[in-house]
């Protein structure tokens, strides 16, 4: 999830653990702890694109990391804070560290929660930025700030924020199930023979959903809003995996395919090859759009070494997408 959401979650969890004993400092340290797992993004400055993608939401987003570092952080903070209970601090850091990846596991990217196991847990029920999850949570957290440490109202506000956010997160599973059902019905009705399908919410909401559908030679992408009145339409995108040629044997290409779970297409523009990760969709709702959210140019040097370079996004595309999403959300 986005940084603000993780800060809010961390602060609320910190308050739940130590709020009665240390007041607002519990929220402060909870917010700090809630951002620590995302420090893995700095790996992109020290390694190649593929390795950085593998590292992101890996070790730092695992239960192992939380267990290992919670007592270390707890001990360090107890050295200079007036509250000296190492166990109390350790519990704060543990719960704030571990709830971060648990929340991230609900997004499309997922987390390597059970590191060192390679599999990522990705429920794909919520977008990385969802105002319906964050804003009510934030409002209750702000109310907590203005309450005295031992007042029942402070506990009530914090619990309400946690209950509402958790309830919404559970609701997204039901919404995903309903969207899945509609996509499956549409595929059957349109007599589309498919190999696999995955669904996820469109950006910033859980009313509009998208589906990636794998067939033998192409992928289909469709959208469904709970406000739709017309049948679901699917756009086709050829796999073009053959364009990789001998590059398919390269280790880095194989790693990239594993990262995207096999959901990718290859496009060729002006004698340049591009790798498109389908899991995160497109920056446009227009028919036959090719500007994928995550698109990488595949380059090969004289030694045959393969590199992936993410293409630069046009900010205007994102602005237009927001407008198009709002229109599409209201039904087809």
C-alpha atoms as a PDB file:
ATOM      1  CA  UNK A   1       0.000   0.000   0.000  1.00  0.00           C
ATOM      2  CA  UNK A   2       1.017   3.638  -0.280  1.00  0.00           C
ATOM      3  CA  UNK A   3       3.191   5.282   2.389  1.00  0.00           C
ATOM      4  CA  UNK A   4       0.375   7.290   3.982  1.00  0.00           C
ATOM      5  CA  UNK A   5      -1.741   4.182   4.498  1.00  0.00           C
ATOM      6  CA  UNK A   6       1.155   2.270   6.054  1.00  0.00           C
ATOM      7  CA  UNK A   7       1.917   5.213   8.349  1.00  0.00           C
ATOM      8  CA  UNK A   8      -1.710   5.345   9.489  1.00  0.00           C
ATOM      9  CA  UNK A   9      -1.844   1.586  10.035  1.00  0.00           C
ATOM     10  CA  UNK A  10       1.463   1.583  11.913  1.00  0.00           C
ATOM     11  CA  UNK A  11       0.390   4.497  14.110  1.00  0.00           C
ATOM     12  CA  UNK A  12      -2.940   2.829  14.967  1.00  0.00           C
ATOM     13  CA  UNK A  13      -1.264  -0.487  15.775  1.00  0.00           C
ATOM     14  CA  UNK A  14       1.372   1.289  17.866  1.00  0.00           C
ATOM     15  CA  UNK A  15      -1.401   3.044  19.772  1.00  0.00           C
ATOM     16  CA  UNK A  16      -3.191  -0.249  20.359  1.00  0.00           C
ATOM     17  CA  UNK A  17      -0.027  -1.816  21.807  1.00  0.00           C
ATOM     18  CA  UNK A  18       1.453   0.964  23.956  1.00  0.00           C
ATOM     19  CA  UNK A  19      -0.880   3.955  23.749  1.00  0.00           C
ATOM     20  CA  UNK A  20      -2.059   3.700  27.362  1.00  0.00           C
ATOM     21  CA  UNK A  21       1.504   3.645  28.645  1.00  0.00           C
ATOM     22  CA  UNK A  22       3.333   6.206  26.504  1.00  0.00           C
ATOM     23  CA  UNK A  23       0.580   8.220  24.803  1.00  0.00           C
ATOM     24  CA  UNK A  24       1.199   9.774  21.388  1.00  0.00           C
ATOM     25  CA  UNK A  25       4.740   8.426  21.239  1.00  0.00           C
ATOM     26  CA  UNK A  26       3.216   5.025  20.545  1.00  0.00           C
ATOM     27  CA  UNK A  27       1.676   6.412  17.357  1.00  0.00           C
ATOM     28  CA  UNK A  28       4.932   8.117  16.411  1.00  0.00           C
ATOM     29  CA  UNK A  29       7.022   4.967  16.742  1.00  0.00           C
ATOM     30  CA  UNK A  30       4.251   2.902  15.175  1.00  0.00           C
ATOM     31  CA  UNK A  31       4.256   5.178  12.139  1.00  0.00           C
ATOM     32  CA  UNK A  32       8.040   4.872  11.862  1.00  0.00           C
ATOM     33  CA  UNK A  33       7.908   1.086  12.194  1.00  0.00           C
ATOM     34  CA  UNK A  34       5.128   0.949   9.614  1.00  0.00           C
ATOM     35  CA  UNK A  35       7.409   2.491   6.988  1.00  0.00           C
ATOM     36  CA  UNK A  36      10.546   0.413   7.680  1.00  0.00           C
ATOM     37  CA  UNK A  37       9.670  -2.555   5.398  1.00  0.00           C
ATOM     38  CA  UNK A  38       9.427  -0.243   2.382  1.00  0.00           C
ATOM     39  CA  UNK A  39      13.053   0.822   2.755  1.00  0.00           C
ATOM     40  CA  UNK A  40      13.798  -2.056   0.392  1.00  0.00           C
ATOM     41  CA  UNK A  41      12.982   0.323  -2.479  1.00  0.00           C
ATOM     42  CA  UNK A  42      16.466   1.795  -2.092  1.00  0.00           C
ATOM     43  CA  UNK A  43      17.826  -1.425  -3.578  1.00  0.00           C
ATOM     44  CA  UNK A  44      16.986   0.016  -7.007  1.00  0.00           C
ATOM     45  CA  UNK A  45      19.874   2.462  -6.583  1.00  0.00           C
ATOM     46  CA  UNK A  46      22.418  -0.300  -6.034  1.00  0.00           C
ATOM     47  CA  UNK A  47      21.363  -3.127  -8.339  1.00  0.00           C
ATOM     48  CA  UNK A  48      19.765  -3.884 -11.701  1.00  0.00           C
ATOM     49  CA  UNK A  49      16.034  -3.643 -12.438  1.00  0.00           C
ATOM     50  CA  UNK A  50      15.305  -7.364 -12.248  1.00  0.00           C
ATOM     51  CA  UNK A  51      17.131  -7.830  -8.932  1.00  0.00           C
ATOM     52  CA  UNK A  52      15.402  -4.761  -7.469  1.00  0.00           C
ATOM     53  CA  UNK A  53      12.006  -6.185  -8.458  1.00  0.00           C
ATOM     54  CA  UNK A  54      12.894  -9.475  -6.779  1.00  0.00           C
ATOM     55  CA  UNK A  55      14.024  -7.705  -3.598  1.00  0.00           C
ATOM     56  CA  UNK A  56      10.980  -5.437  -3.338  1.00  0.00           C
ATOM     57  CA  UNK A  57       8.468  -6.792  -0.845  1.00  0.00           C
ATOM     58  CA  UNK A  58      10.773  -9.691  -0.131  1.00  0.00           C
ATOM     59  CA  UNK A  59      12.854 -10.138   3.031  1.00  0.00           C
ATOM     60  CA  UNK A  60      11.752  -6.890   4.712  1.00  0.00           C
ATOM     61  CA  UNK A  61       8.117  -7.870   4.182  1.00  0.00           C
ATOM     62  CA  UNK A  62       8.408 -11.241   5.864  1.00  0.00           C
ATOM     63  CA  UNK A  63       7.385 -12.639   9.231  1.00  0.00           C
ATOM     64  CA  UNK A  64      11.020 -13.633   9.710  1.00  0.00           C
ATOM     65  CA  UNK A  65      12.126  -9.996   9.381  1.00  0.00           C
ATOM     66  CA  UNK A  66       9.522  -8.895  11.937  1.00  0.00           C
ATOM     67  CA  UNK A  67      10.581 -11.534  14.453  1.00  0.00           C
ATOM     68  CA  UNK A  68      14.285 -10.834  13.949  1.00  0.00           C
ATOM     69  CA  UNK A  69      14.307  -7.052  14.045  1.00  0.00           C
ATOM     70  CA  UNK A  70      11.459  -6.237  16.459  1.00  0.00           C
ATOM     71  CA  UNK A  71      13.538  -7.003  19.591  1.00  0.00           C
ATOM     72  CA  UNK A  72      16.535  -5.170  18.116  1.00  0.00           C
ATOM     73  CA  UNK A  73      14.526  -2.013  17.443  1.00  0.00           C
ATOM     74  CA  UNK A  74      12.776  -2.431  20.793  1.00  0.00           C
ATOM     75  CA  UNK A  75      16.072  -2.626  22.654  1.00  0.00           C
ATOM     76  CA  UNK A  76      17.518   0.386  20.805  1.00  0.00           C
ATOM     77  CA  UNK A  77      14.522   2.613  21.576  1.00  0.00           C
ATOM     78  CA  UNK A  78      14.456   1.541  25.231  1.00  0.00           C
ATOM     79  CA  UNK A  79      18.039   2.792  25.587  1.00  0.00           C
ATOM     80  CA  UNK A  80      17.068   6.450  25.215  1.00  0.00           C
ATOM     81  CA  UNK A  81      13.310   6.641  25.924  1.00  0.00           C
ATOM     82  CA  UNK A  82      12.035   7.065  29.484  1.00  0.00           C
ATOM     83  CA  UNK A  83       9.827   4.018  29.037  1.00  0.00           C
ATOM     84  CA  UNK A  84      12.352   1.201  29.521  1.00  0.00           C
ATOM     85  CA  UNK A  85      10.286  -1.943  28.954  1.00  0.00           C
ATOM     86  CA  UNK A  86      12.155  -3.736  26.139  1.00  0.00           C
ATOM     87  CA  UNK A  87       9.382  -6.311  25.824  1.00  0.00           C
ATOM     88  CA  UNK A  88       6.753  -3.606  25.372  1.00  0.00           C
ATOM     89  CA  UNK A  89       8.770  -1.830  22.695  1.00  0.00           C
ATOM     90  CA  UNK A  90       9.517  -5.138  20.974  1.00  0.00           C
ATOM     91  CA  UNK A  91       5.831  -5.979  20.787  1.00  0.00           C
ATOM     92  CA  UNK A  92       5.085  -2.568  19.293  1.00  0.00           C
ATOM     93  CA  UNK A  93       7.707  -3.006  16.593  1.00  0.00           C
ATOM     94  CA  UNK A  94       6.693  -6.592  15.866  1.00  0.00           C
ATOM     95  CA  UNK A  95       3.018  -5.844  15.307  1.00  0.00           C
ATOM     96  CA  UNK A  96       3.735  -2.698  13.295  1.00  0.00           C
ATOM     97  CA  UNK A  97       6.297  -4.481  11.132  1.00  0.00           C
ATOM     98  CA  UNK A  98       4.192  -7.584  10.497  1.00  0.00           C
ATOM     99  CA  UNK A  99       0.883  -5.808   9.767  1.00  0.00           C
ATOM    100  CA  UNK A 100       2.605  -3.859   6.981  1.00  0.00           C
ATOM    101  CA  UNK A 101       3.232  -6.910   4.736  1.00  0.00           C
ATOM    102  CA  UNK A 102      -0.077  -8.503   5.730  1.00  0.00           C
ATOM    103  CA  UNK A 103      -1.849  -5.454   4.314  1.00  0.00           C
ATOM    104  CA  UNK A 104       0.414  -5.453   1.241  1.00  0.00           C
ATOM    105  CA  UNK A 105      -0.491  -9.091   0.645  1.00  0.00           C
ATOM    106  CA  UNK A 106      -3.953  -7.920  -0.398  1.00  0.00           C
ATOM    107  CA  UNK A 107      -2.541  -5.952  -3.345  1.00  0.00           C
ATOM    108  CA  UNK A 108      -1.598  -7.154  -6.822  1.00  0.00           C
ATOM    109  CA  UNK A 109       2.149  -7.182  -6.177  1.00  0.00           C
ATOM    110  CA  UNK A 110       1.787  -9.181  -2.987  1.00  0.00           C
ATOM    111  CA  UNK A 111       4.510  -9.961  -0.451  1.00  0.00           C
ATOM    112  CA  UNK A 112       7.033 -12.675   0.250  1.00  0.00           C
ATOM    113  CA  UNK A 113       5.472 -13.044   3.686  1.00  0.00           C
ATOM    114  CA  UNK A 114       6.936 -16.487   4.300  1.00  0.00           C
ATOM    115  CA  UNK A 115      10.484 -15.662   3.178  1.00  0.00           C
ATOM    116  CA  UNK A 116      12.798 -17.501   2.529  1.00  0.00           C
ATOM    117  CA  UNK A 117      10.101 -19.362   0.575  1.00  0.00           C
ATOM    118  CA  UNK A 118       9.977 -17.788  -2.892  1.00  0.00           C
ATOM    119  CA  UNK A 119       6.208 -17.709  -3.320  1.00  0.00           C
ATOM    120  CA  UNK A 120       4.442 -14.382  -2.875  1.00  0.00           C
ATOM    121  CA  UNK A 121       1.094 -13.986  -1.190  1.00  0.00           C
ATOM    122  CA  UNK A 122      -1.113 -11.764  -3.360  1.00  0.00           C
ATOM    123  CA  UNK A 123      -4.884 -11.728  -2.809  1.00  0.00           C
ATOM    124  CA  UNK A 124      -5.394  -8.884  -5.342  1.00  0.00           C
ATOM    125  CA  UNK A 125      -8.420  -7.502  -3.562  1.00  0.00           C
ATOM    126  CA  UNK A 126      -7.365  -3.875  -3.108  1.00  0.00           C
ATOM    127  CA  UNK A 127      -5.418  -1.295  -5.092  1.00  0.00           C
ATOM    128  CA  UNK A 128      -2.226   0.155  -3.575  1.00  0.00           C
ATOM    129  CA  UNK A 129      -4.064   3.452  -3.019  1.00  0.00           C
ATOM    130  CA  UNK A 130      -7.663   3.177  -1.879  1.00  0.00           C
ATOM    131  CA  UNK A 131      -9.259   6.264  -0.274  1.00  0.00           C
ATOM    132  CA  UNK A 132     -12.145   4.185   1.129  1.00  0.00           C
ATOM    133  CA  UNK A 133      -9.631   2.251   3.203  1.00  0.00           C
ATOM    134  CA  UNK A 134      -7.307   5.089   4.212  1.00  0.00           C
ATOM    135  CA  UNK A 135      -9.418   8.203   4.785  1.00  0.00           C
ATOM    136  CA  UNK A 136     -11.858   6.876   7.450  1.00  0.00           C
ATOM    137  CA  UNK A 137      -8.882   5.252   9.179  1.00  0.00           C
ATOM    138  CA  UNK A 138      -7.001   8.567   9.111  1.00  0.00           C
ATOM    139  CA  UNK A 139      -9.945  10.532  10.527  1.00  0.00           C
ATOM    140  CA  UNK A 140     -10.209   8.277  13.578  1.00  0.00           C
ATOM    141  CA  UNK A 141      -6.453   8.435  14.100  1.00  0.00           C
ATOM    142  CA  UNK A 142      -6.557  12.234  14.120  1.00  0.00           C
ATOM    143  CA  UNK A 143      -9.335  12.090  16.727  1.00  0.00           C
ATOM    144  CA  UNK A 144      -7.108   9.865  18.866  1.00  0.00           C
ATOM    145  CA  UNK A 145      -4.384  12.524  18.856  1.00  0.00           C
ATOM    146  CA  UNK A 146      -6.589  14.975  20.727  1.00  0.00           C
ATOM    147  CA  UNK A 147      -7.623  12.607  23.511  1.00  0.00           C
ATOM    148  CA  UNK A 148      -5.849  12.148  26.816  1.00  0.00           C
ATOM    149  CA  UNK A 149      -3.791   9.010  27.186  1.00  0.00           C
ATOM    150  CA  UNK A 150      -6.061   7.110  29.598  1.00  0.00           C
ATOM    151  CA  UNK A 151      -9.493   8.209  28.384  1.00  0.00           C
ATOM    152  CA  UNK A 152     -11.862   5.473  27.105  1.00  0.00           C
ATOM    153  CA  UNK A 153     -12.716   7.670  24.129  1.00  0.00           C
ATOM    154  CA  UNK A 154      -9.113   7.480  22.882  1.00  0.00           C
ATOM    155  CA  UNK A 155      -9.264   3.676  22.869  1.00  0.00           C
ATOM    156  CA  UNK A 156     -12.699   3.768  21.250  1.00  0.00           C
ATOM    157  CA  UNK A 157     -11.578   5.970  18.340  1.00  0.00           C
ATOM    158  CA  UNK A 158      -8.501   3.863  17.681  1.00  0.00           C
ATOM    159  CA  UNK A 159     -10.468   0.623  17.799  1.00  0.00           C
ATOM    160  CA  UNK A 160     -13.083   2.060  15.448  1.00  0.00           C
ATOM    161  CA  UNK A 161     -10.407   2.948  12.910  1.00  0.00           C
ATOM    162  CA  UNK A 162      -8.924  -0.546  13.080  1.00  0.00           C
ATOM    163  CA  UNK A 163     -12.338  -2.239  12.908  1.00  0.00           C
ATOM    164  CA  UNK A 164     -13.551  -0.157   9.949  1.00  0.00           C
ATOM    165  CA  UNK A 165     -10.356  -0.657   7.951  1.00  0.00           C
ATOM    166  CA  UNK A 166     -10.276  -4.388   8.667  1.00  0.00           C
ATOM    167  CA  UNK A 167     -13.961  -4.768   7.821  1.00  0.00           C
ATOM    168  CA  UNK A 168     -13.462  -2.998   4.498  1.00  0.00           C
ATOM    169  CA  UNK A 169     -10.502  -5.251   3.756  1.00  0.00           C
ATOM    170  CA  UNK A 170     -12.682  -8.304   4.380  1.00  0.00           C
ATOM    171  CA  UNK A 171     -15.415  -6.818   2.198  1.00  0.00           C
ATOM    172  CA  UNK A 172     -12.999  -6.606  -0.745  1.00  0.00           C
ATOM    173  CA  UNK A 173     -12.859 -10.419  -0.817  1.00  0.00           C
ATOM    174  CA  UNK A 174     -16.616 -10.579  -1.312  1.00  0.00           C
ATOM    175  CA  UNK A 175     -16.468  -7.884  -4.000  1.00  0.00           C
ATOM    176  CA  UNK A 176     -13.696  -9.759  -5.790  1.00  0.00           C
ATOM    177  CA  UNK A 177     -15.762 -12.942  -5.682  1.00  0.00           C
ATOM    178  CA  UNK A 178     -18.751 -11.145  -7.193  1.00  0.00           C
ATOM    179  CA  UNK A 179     -16.608  -9.622  -9.944  1.00  0.00           C
ATOM    180  CA  UNK A 180     -15.005 -13.010 -10.645  1.00  0.00           C
ATOM    181  CA  UNK A 181     -18.442 -14.510 -11.099  1.00  0.00           C
ATOM    182  CA  UNK A 182     -19.424 -11.868 -13.656  1.00  0.00           C
ATOM    183  CA  UNK A 183     -16.227 -12.337 -15.653  1.00  0.00           C
ATOM    184  CA  UNK A 184     -16.662 -16.110 -15.688  1.00  0.00           C
ATOM    185  CA  UNK A 185     -20.261 -15.772 -16.884  1.00  0.00           C
ATOM    186  CA  UNK A 186     -19.177 -13.379 -19.638  1.00  0.00           C
ATOM    187  CA  UNK A 187     -16.463 -15.775 -20.855  1.00  0.00           C
ATOM    188  CA  UNK A 188     -18.901 -18.668 -20.956  1.00  0.00           C
ATOM    189  CA  UNK A 189     -21.573 -16.613 -22.734  1.00  0.00           C
ATOM    190  CA  UNK A 190     -19.069 -15.365 -25.313  1.00  0.00           C
ATOM    191  CA  UNK A 191     -17.782 -18.951 -25.738  1.00  0.00           C
ATOM    192  CA  UNK A 192     -14.198 -17.969 -24.963  1.00  0.00           C
ATOM    193  CA  UNK A 193     -11.987 -20.945 -24.210  1.00  0.00           C
ATOM    194  CA  UNK A 194      -9.423 -19.760 -21.667  1.00  0.00           C
ATOM    195  CA  UNK A 195      -6.513 -21.229 -19.727  1.00  0.00           C
ATOM    196  CA  UNK A 196      -6.425 -18.959 -16.685  1.00  0.00           C
ATOM    197  CA  UNK A 197      -7.926 -15.773 -15.296  1.00  0.00           C
ATOM    198  CA  UNK A 198      -6.992 -13.299 -12.579  1.00  0.00           C
ATOM    199  CA  UNK A 199      -8.995 -10.322 -11.369  1.00  0.00           C
ATOM    200  CA  UNK A 200      -8.041  -7.177  -9.493  1.00  0.00           C
ATOM    201  CA  UNK A 201      -9.644  -3.842  -8.620  1.00  0.00           C
ATOM    202  CA  UNK A 202      -9.054  -0.887 -10.894  1.00  0.00           C
ATOM    203  CA  UNK A 203      -7.063   2.015  -9.367  1.00  0.00           C
ATOM    204  CA  UNK A 204      -8.442   3.840  -6.314  1.00  0.00           C
ATOM    205  CA  UNK A 205     -11.683   1.876  -5.886  1.00  0.00           C
ATOM    206  CA  UNK A 206     -13.350  -1.511  -5.503  1.00  0.00           C
ATOM    207  CA  UNK A 207     -16.389  -0.836  -7.691  1.00  0.00           C
ATOM    208  CA  UNK A 208     -14.608  -1.199 -11.026  1.00  0.00           C
ATOM    209  CA  UNK A 209     -12.652  -4.433 -11.558  1.00  0.00           C
ATOM    210  CA  UNK A 210     -10.415  -5.705 -14.336  1.00  0.00           C
ATOM    211  CA  UNK A 211      -9.611  -9.212 -15.507  1.00  0.00           C
ATOM    212  CA  UNK A 212      -6.633 -10.675 -17.303  1.00  0.00           C
ATOM    213  CA  UNK A 213      -7.646 -13.759 -19.235  1.00  0.00           C
ATOM    214  CA  UNK A 214      -5.110 -16.113 -20.774  1.00  0.00           C
ATOM    215  CA  UNK A 215      -5.994 -17.997 -23.944  1.00  0.00           C
ATOM    216  CA  UNK A 216      -3.725 -20.101 -26.154  1.00  0.00           C
ATOM    217  CA  UNK A 217      -2.168 -17.294 -28.205  1.00  0.00           C
ATOM    218  CA  UNK A 218      -3.275 -14.084 -26.543  1.00  0.00           C
ATOM    219  CA  UNK A 219      -4.395 -12.360 -23.387  1.00  0.00           C
ATOM    220  CA  UNK A 220      -7.752 -10.676 -22.962  1.00  0.00           C
ATOM    221  CA  UNK A 221      -8.304  -7.672 -20.722  1.00  0.00           C
ATOM    222  CA  UNK A 222     -11.807  -6.715 -19.626  1.00  0.00           C
ATOM    223  CA  UNK A 223     -13.479  -4.368 -17.146  1.00  0.00           C
ATOM    224  CA  UNK A 224     -16.572  -4.796 -15.035  1.00  0.00           C
ATOM    225  CA  UNK A 225     -18.296  -2.240 -12.826  1.00  0.00           C
ATOM    226  CA  UNK A 226     -21.020  -3.144 -10.378  1.00  0.00           C
ATOM    227  CA  UNK A 227     -22.972  -0.352 -12.088  1.00  0.00           C
ATOM    228  CA  UNK A 228     -22.684  -1.915 -15.574  1.00  0.00           C
ATOM    229  CA  UNK A 229     -25.777  -2.505 -17.680  1.00  0.00           C
ATOM    230  CA  UNK A 230     -24.138  -3.897 -20.839  1.00  0.00           C
ATOM    231  CA  UNK A 231     -22.086  -7.067 -21.404  1.00  0.00           C
ATOM    232  CA  UNK A 232     -18.383  -7.152 -20.575  1.00  0.00           C
ATOM    233  CA  UNK A 233     -16.097  -6.423 -23.509  1.00  0.00           C
ATOM    234  CA  UNK A 234     -12.632  -7.994 -23.758  1.00  0.00           C
ATOM    235  CA  UNK A 235      -9.682  -6.480 -25.647  1.00  0.00           C
ATOM    236  CA  UNK A 236      -7.163  -8.941 -27.103  1.00  0.00           C
ATOM    237  CA  UNK A 237      -3.386  -8.611 -26.745  1.00  0.00           C
ATOM    238  CA  UNK A 238      -1.204 -11.133 -28.610  1.00  0.00           C
ATOM    239  CA  UNK A 239       1.370 -12.837 -26.421  1.00  0.00           C
ATOM    240  CA  UNK A 240       4.142 -12.493 -29.012  1.00  0.00           C
ATOM    241  CA  UNK A 241       6.430 -14.577 -26.808  1.00  0.00           C
ATOM    242  CA  UNK A 242       8.131 -15.793 -29.974  1.00  0.00           C
ATOM    243  CA  UNK A 243       9.636 -12.310 -30.444  1.00  0.00           C
ATOM    244  CA  UNK A 244      12.049 -13.087 -27.627  1.00  0.00           C
ATOM    245  CA  UNK A 245      13.771 -15.668 -29.808  1.00  0.00           C
ATOM    246  CA  UNK A 246      16.923 -16.991 -28.141  1.00  0.00           C
ATOM    247  CA  UNK A 247      16.553 -14.406 -25.373  1.00  0.00           C
ATOM    248  CA  UNK A 248      14.038 -16.739 -23.736  1.00  0.00           C
ATOM    249  CA  UNK A 249      17.031 -18.847 -22.654  1.00  0.00           C
ATOM    250  CA  UNK A 250      18.692 -15.963 -20.816  1.00  0.00           C
ATOM    251  CA  UNK A 251      18.605 -16.273 -17.036  1.00  0.00           C
ATOM    252  CA  UNK A 252      17.536 -12.674 -16.479  1.00  0.00           C
ATOM    253  CA  UNK A 253      14.619 -13.077 -18.897  1.00  0.00           C
ATOM    254  CA  UNK A 254      13.560 -16.227 -17.067  1.00  0.00           C
ATOM    255  CA  UNK A 255      13.712 -14.334 -13.755  1.00  0.00           C
ATOM    256  CA  UNK A 256      11.558 -11.549 -15.191  1.00  0.00           C
ATOM    257  CA  UNK A 257       8.984 -14.057 -16.391  1.00  0.00           C
ATOM    258  CA  UNK A 258       8.926 -15.600 -12.929  1.00  0.00           C
ATOM    259  CA  UNK A 259       8.432 -12.177 -11.317  1.00  0.00           C
ATOM    260  CA  UNK A 260       5.390 -11.482 -13.507  1.00  0.00           C
ATOM    261  CA  UNK A 261       4.054 -15.020 -12.930  1.00  0.00           C
ATOM    262  CA  UNK A 262       3.993 -15.580 -16.684  1.00  0.00           C
ATOM    263  CA  UNK A 263       1.551 -12.718 -17.282  1.00  0.00           C
ATOM    264  CA  UNK A 264       3.429 -10.795 -19.956  1.00  0.00           C
ATOM    265  CA  UNK A 265       3.398  -9.824 -23.608  1.00  0.00           C
ATOM    266  CA  UNK A 266       6.217  -8.751 -25.902  1.00  0.00           C
ATOM    267  CA  UNK A 267       5.838  -5.810 -28.265  1.00  0.00           C
ATOM    268  CA  UNK A 268       8.216  -4.494 -30.907  1.00  0.00           C
ATOM    269  CA  UNK A 269       8.539  -0.816 -31.775  1.00  0.00           C
ATOM    270  CA  UNK A 270      11.182   0.580 -34.126  1.00  0.00           C
ATOM    271  CA  UNK A 271      13.306  -2.571 -33.802  1.00  0.00           C
ATOM    272  CA  UNK A 272      13.126  -2.408 -30.007  1.00  0.00           C
ATOM    273  CA  UNK A 273      11.656  -5.121 -27.829  1.00  0.00           C
ATOM    274  CA  UNK A 274       9.467  -4.315 -24.843  1.00  0.00           C
ATOM    275  CA  UNK A 275       8.406  -6.549 -21.991  1.00  0.00           C
ATOM    276  CA  UNK A 276       4.912  -5.733 -20.678  1.00  0.00           C
ATOM    277  CA  UNK A 277       3.900  -6.935 -17.217  1.00  0.00           C
ATOM    278  CA  UNK A 278       0.143  -7.499 -17.528  1.00  0.00           C
ATOM    279  CA  UNK A 279      -0.567  -7.804 -13.814  1.00  0.00           C
ATOM    280  CA  UNK A 280      -0.838  -4.049 -13.335  1.00  0.00           C
ATOM    281  CA  UNK A 281      -2.827  -3.240 -16.430  1.00  0.00           C
ATOM    282  CA  UNK A 282      -2.662  -0.235 -18.715  1.00  0.00           C
ATOM    283  CA  UNK A 283      -2.427   3.522 -18.356  1.00  0.00           C
ATOM    284  CA  UNK A 284      -5.386   3.856 -20.696  1.00  0.00           C
ATOM    285  CA  UNK A 285      -8.878   2.462 -21.142  1.00  0.00           C
ATOM    286  CA  UNK A 286      -8.855   3.142 -24.874  1.00  0.00           C
ATOM    287  CA  UNK A 287      -9.211   0.141 -27.222  1.00  0.00           C
ATOM    288  CA  UNK A 288      -5.918  -1.467 -28.288  1.00  0.00           C
ATOM    289  CA  UNK A 289      -3.880   0.720 -25.926  1.00  0.00           C
ATOM    290  CA  UNK A 290      -0.284  -0.437 -25.514  1.00  0.00           C
ATOM    291  CA  UNK A 291       0.971   1.852 -22.732  1.00  0.00           C
ATOM    292  CA  UNK A 292       1.238  -0.659 -19.918  1.00  0.00           C
ATOM    293  CA  UNK A 293       1.824   0.533 -16.364  1.00  0.00           C
ATOM    294  CA  UNK A 294       4.980  -1.563 -16.154  1.00  0.00           C
ATOM    295  CA  UNK A 295       6.767  -1.763 -19.471  1.00  0.00           C
ATOM    296  CA  UNK A 296      10.481  -2.483 -19.850  1.00  0.00           C
ATOM    297  CA  UNK A 297      12.731  -2.140 -22.860  1.00  0.00           C
ATOM    298  CA  UNK A 298      14.868  -5.245 -23.356  1.00  0.00           C
ATOM    299  CA  UNK A 299      18.446  -4.405 -24.262  1.00  0.00           C
ATOM    300  CA  UNK A 300      21.370  -6.663 -25.084  1.00  0.00           C
ATOM    301  CA  UNK A 301      25.011  -5.511 -24.969  1.00  0.00           C
ATOM    302  CA  UNK A 302      27.921  -6.814 -27.062  1.00  0.00           C
ATOM    303  CA  UNK A 303      28.645  -9.517 -24.508  1.00  0.00           C
ATOM    304  CA  UNK A 304      25.090 -10.789 -24.756  1.00  0.00           C
ATOM    305  CA  UNK A 305      24.129  -9.472 -21.317  1.00  0.00           C
ATOM    306  CA  UNK A 306      20.415  -8.648 -21.057  1.00  0.00           C
ATOM    307  CA  UNK A 307      19.100  -5.602 -19.199  1.00  0.00           C
ATOM    308  CA  UNK A 308      15.567  -4.353 -18.561  1.00  0.00           C
ATOM    309  CA  UNK A 309      14.926  -0.604 -18.487  1.00  0.00           C
ATOM    310  CA  UNK A 310      11.550   0.706 -17.381  1.00  0.00           C
ATOM    311  CA  UNK A 311      10.005   3.086 -19.889  1.00  0.00           C
ATOM    312  CA  UNK A 312       9.307   6.661 -18.838  1.00  0.00           C
ATOM    313  CA  UNK A 313       5.636   7.395 -18.190  1.00  0.00           C
ATOM    314  CA  UNK A 314       3.789  10.410 -19.514  1.00  0.00           C
ATOM    315  CA  UNK A 315       2.057  12.268 -16.628  1.00  0.00           C
ATOM    316  CA  UNK A 316      -0.737  13.270 -18.993  1.00  0.00           C
ATOM    317  CA  UNK A 317      -1.611   9.596 -19.459  1.00  0.00           C
ATOM    318  CA  UNK A 318      -2.175   9.214 -15.717  1.00  0.00           C
ATOM    319  CA  UNK A 319      -4.392  12.294 -15.603  1.00  0.00           C
ATOM    320  CA  UNK A 320      -6.467  11.039 -18.520  1.00  0.00           C
ATOM    321  CA  UNK A 321      -6.709   7.601 -16.925  1.00  0.00           C
ATOM    322  CA  UNK A 322      -8.243   9.100 -13.772  1.00  0.00           C
ATOM    323  CA  UNK A 323     -10.918  10.798 -15.860  1.00  0.00           C
ATOM    324  CA  UNK A 324     -11.594   7.638 -17.865  1.00  0.00           C
ATOM    325  CA  UNK A 325     -11.765   5.495 -14.719  1.00  0.00           C
ATOM    326  CA  UNK A 326     -14.388   7.781 -13.191  1.00  0.00           C
ATOM    327  CA  UNK A 327     -16.513   7.562 -16.340  1.00  0.00           C
ATOM    328  CA  UNK A 328     -16.094   3.784 -16.644  1.00  0.00           C
ATOM    329  CA  UNK A 329     -16.789   3.234 -12.936  1.00  0.00           C
ATOM    330  CA  UNK A 330     -20.282   4.661 -13.408  1.00  0.00           C
ATOM    331  CA  UNK A 331     -21.156   1.858 -15.838  1.00  0.00           C
ATOM    332  CA  UNK A 332     -20.845   0.949 -19.519  1.00  0.00           C
END
